Amino acid sequence: MLVLQYHDIVKTYQLEDDGIERLAPLPSSDQSLYIDYFQNVAYAVYSNLIEKQKDELVKQTIKPEK
């Protein structure tokens, strides 16, 4: 099995019986790592957006009177 990595793109090739290297799916353990990483990043971005919205609401609610 040959694994090539270019920047953040990972491609896994497997040599078939006919001598041709074909794109192969990642093992489930690797898939789980990628899924966990993606979910953690997505949650961090989501949490950041929620905090920004809360800050904006507080700013709008506590406007100084003129």
N, C-alpha and C. Protein backbone atom coordinates (compact mmCIF):
# COMPACT_ATOMS: atom_id res chain seq x y z
N MET A 1 0.85 -1.17 0.00
CA MET A 1 0.00 0.00 0.00
C MET A 1 0.89 1.23 0.00
N LEU A 2 0.60 2.18 -0.86
CA LEU A 2 1.37 3.40 -1.00
C LEU A 2 0.50 4.56 -0.55
N VAL A 3 1.03 5.39 0.35
CA VAL A 3 0.29 6.56 0.82
C VAL A 3 1.06 7.80 0.39
N LEU A 4 0.40 8.66 -0.36
CA LEU A 4 1.00 9.91 -0.81
C LEU A 4 0.30 11.06 -0.12
N GLN A 5 1.08 12.05 0.33
CA GLN A 5 0.49 13.20 0.98
C GLN A 5 1.01 14.47 0.32
N TYR A 6 0.11 15.28 -0.18
CA TYR A 6 0.43 16.58 -0.77
C TYR A 6 -0.30 17.62 0.05
N HIS A 7 0.45 18.44 0.74
CA HIS A 7 -0.13 19.46 1.62
C HIS A 7 -1.07 18.76 2.61
N ASP A 8 -2.37 19.03 2.52
CA ASP A 8 -3.32 18.41 3.44
C ASP A 8 -4.15 17.32 2.78
N ILE A 9 -3.77 16.94 1.55
CA ILE A 9 -4.53 15.92 0.82
C ILE A 9 -3.79 14.59 0.92
N VAL A 10 -4.49 13.58 1.38
CA VAL A 10 -3.88 12.25 1.50
C VAL A 10 -4.60 11.31 0.54
N LYS A 11 -3.81 10.62 -0.29
CA LYS A 11 -4.36 9.61 -1.20
C LYS A 11 -3.66 8.29 -0.90
N THR A 12 -4.44 7.24 -0.82
CA THR A 12 -3.90 5.92 -0.54
C THR A 12 -4.14 5.02 -1.75
N TYR A 13 -3.07 4.40 -2.22
CA TYR A 13 -3.15 3.51 -3.37
C TYR A 13 -2.79 2.09 -2.95
N GLN A 14 -3.46 1.14 -3.56
CA GLN A 14 -3.18 -0.26 -3.27
C GLN A 14 -2.87 -0.97 -4.59
N LEU A 15 -1.80 -1.76 -4.58
CA LEU A 15 -1.40 -2.51 -5.77
C LEU A 15 -2.32 -3.73 -5.90
N GLU A 16 -3.02 -3.77 -7.03
CA GLU A 16 -3.96 -4.87 -7.27
C GLU A 16 -3.22 -6.05 -7.90
N ASP A 17 -3.90 -7.19 -8.00
CA ASP A 17 -3.32 -8.41 -8.58
C ASP A 17 -2.90 -8.21 -10.03
N ASP A 18 -3.57 -7.30 -10.73
CA ASP A 18 -3.24 -7.07 -12.15
C ASP A 18 -2.06 -6.11 -12.32
N GLY A 19 -1.44 -5.70 -11.21
CA GLY A 19 -0.26 -4.84 -11.26
C GLY A 19 -0.56 -3.35 -11.35
N ILE A 20 -1.82 -2.98 -11.28
CA ILE A 20 -2.21 -1.57 -11.36
C ILE A 20 -2.49 -1.05 -9.95
N GLU A 21 -1.94 0.14 -9.67
CA GLU A 21 -2.22 0.78 -8.37
C GLU A 21 -3.53 1.54 -8.49
N ARG A 22 -4.46 1.22 -7.60
CA ARG A 22 -5.77 1.88 -7.61
C ARG A 22 -5.98 2.60 -6.29
N LEU A 23 -6.76 3.68 -6.38
CA LEU A 23 -7.09 4.45 -5.19
C LEU A 23 -7.84 3.55 -4.22
N ALA A 24 -7.42 3.52 -2.97
CA ALA A 24 -8.03 2.66 -1.96
C ALA A 24 -8.60 3.51 -0.83
N PRO A 25 -9.70 3.05 -0.22
CA PRO A 25 -10.25 3.80 0.91
C PRO A 25 -9.30 3.74 2.10
N LEU A 26 -9.39 4.75 2.94
CA LEU A 26 -8.59 4.75 4.16
C LEU A 26 -9.09 3.67 5.11
N PRO A 27 -8.20 3.09 5.90
CA PRO A 27 -8.66 2.15 6.93
C PRO A 27 -9.61 2.87 7.89
N SER A 28 -10.53 2.13 8.48
CA SER A 28 -11.53 2.76 9.35
C SER A 28 -10.91 3.52 10.51
N SER A 29 -9.75 3.05 11.01
CA SER A 29 -9.11 3.77 12.12
C SER A 29 -8.65 5.16 11.66
N ASP A 30 -8.13 5.25 10.43
CA ASP A 30 -7.73 6.55 9.89
C ASP A 30 -8.94 7.42 9.60
N GLN A 31 -10.01 6.80 9.09
CA GLN A 31 -11.22 7.55 8.81
C GLN A 31 -11.75 8.19 10.09
N SER A 32 -11.72 7.45 11.17
CA SER A 32 -12.20 7.97 12.46
C SER A 32 -11.37 9.17 12.90
N LEU A 33 -10.07 9.12 12.68
CA LEU A 33 -9.22 10.26 13.04
C LEU A 33 -9.59 11.50 12.24
N TYR A 34 -9.82 11.34 10.94
CA TYR A 34 -10.20 12.48 10.11
C TYR A 34 -11.57 13.03 10.51
N ILE A 35 -12.50 12.14 10.79
CA ILE A 35 -13.84 12.56 11.20
C ILE A 35 -13.77 13.31 12.53
N ASP A 36 -13.02 12.78 13.49
CA ASP A 36 -12.87 13.45 14.79
C ASP A 36 -12.25 14.82 14.62
N TYR A 37 -11.21 14.92 13.79
CA TYR A 37 -10.54 16.19 13.56
C TYR A 37 -11.52 17.20 12.95
N PHE A 38 -12.26 16.77 11.93
CA PHE A 38 -13.22 17.65 11.27
C PHE A 38 -14.28 18.12 12.25
N GLN A 39 -14.81 17.20 13.07
CA GLN A 39 -15.85 17.57 14.03
C GLN A 39 -15.32 18.56 15.05
N ASN A 40 -14.10 18.38 15.51
CA ASN A 40 -13.51 19.30 16.48
C ASN A 40 -13.32 20.69 15.89
N VAL A 41 -12.85 20.75 14.65
CA VAL A 41 -12.66 22.05 14.00
C VAL A 41 -14.02 22.72 13.77
N ALA A 42 -14.98 21.96 13.30
CA ALA A 42 -16.32 22.51 13.06
C ALA A 42 -16.93 23.03 14.37
N TYR A 43 -16.77 22.30 15.45
CA TYR A 43 -17.30 22.74 16.74
C TYR A 43 -16.60 24.01 17.21
N ALA A 44 -15.30 24.11 17.01
CA ALA A 44 -14.56 25.31 17.42
C ALA A 44 -15.03 26.53 16.62
N VAL A 45 -15.24 26.37 15.32
CA VAL A 45 -15.73 27.47 14.49
C VAL A 45 -17.13 27.86 14.93
N TYR A 46 -18.00 26.88 15.14
CA TYR A 46 -19.37 27.12 15.58
C TYR A 46 -19.39 27.86 16.92
N SER A 47 -18.57 27.41 17.85
CA SER A 47 -18.51 28.05 19.18
C SER A 47 -18.04 29.49 19.06
N ASN A 48 -17.07 29.72 18.21
CA ASN A 48 -16.55 31.07 17.99
C ASN A 48 -17.65 31.98 17.44
N LEU A 49 -18.42 31.49 16.48
CA LEU A 49 -19.51 32.27 15.91
C LEU A 49 -20.58 32.58 16.95
N ILE A 50 -20.91 31.61 17.78
CA ILE A 50 -21.90 31.81 18.84
C ILE A 50 -21.42 32.89 19.81
N GLU A 51 -20.16 32.84 20.19
CA GLU A 51 -19.60 33.85 21.10
C GLU A 51 -19.65 35.24 20.48
N LYS A 52 -19.34 35.34 19.20
CA LYS A 52 -19.40 36.63 18.51
C LYS A 52 -20.84 37.17 18.49
N GLN A 53 -21.80 36.28 18.26
CA GLN A 53 -23.21 36.69 18.27
C GLN A 53 -23.62 37.18 19.65
N LYS A 54 -23.20 36.48 20.69
CA LYS A 54 -23.52 36.89 22.06
C LYS A 54 -22.93 38.27 22.34
N ASP A 55 -21.68 38.49 21.95
CA ASP A 55 -21.03 39.78 22.16
C ASP A 55 -21.78 40.89 21.44
N GLU A 56 -22.22 40.61 20.21
CA GLU A 56 -22.97 41.62 19.45
C GLU A 56 -24.29 41.94 20.13
N LEU A 57 -24.98 40.92 20.64
CA LEU A 57 -26.24 41.15 21.33
C LEU A 57 -26.04 41.98 22.59
N VAL A 58 -24.98 41.71 23.31
CA VAL A 58 -24.68 42.49 24.52
C VAL A 58 -24.40 43.93 24.14
N LYS A 59 -23.64 44.15 23.08
CA LYS A 59 -23.33 45.51 22.63
C LYS A 59 -24.60 46.26 22.23
N GLN A 60 -25.52 45.56 21.54
CA GLN A 60 -26.76 46.18 21.11
C GLN A 60 -27.69 46.47 22.28
N THR A 61 -27.64 45.63 23.29
CA THR A 61 -28.51 45.77 24.44
C THR A 61 -28.04 46.88 25.37
N ILE A 62 -26.74 47.03 25.52
CA ILE A 62 -26.17 47.99 26.46
C ILE A 62 -25.60 49.19 25.71
N LYS A 63 -26.41 49.81 24.86
CA LYS A 63 -25.95 51.02 24.17
C LYS A 63 -26.05 52.18 25.14
N PRO A 64 -25.03 53.00 25.21
CA PRO A 64 -25.11 54.16 26.11
C PRO A 64 -26.16 55.17 25.62
N GLU A 65 -26.93 55.68 26.55
CA GLU A 65 -27.93 56.67 26.20
C GLU A 65 -27.29 58.02 25.98
N LYS A 66 -27.80 58.78 25.03
CA LYS A 66 -27.23 60.10 24.72
C LYS A 66 -27.96 61.18 25.45
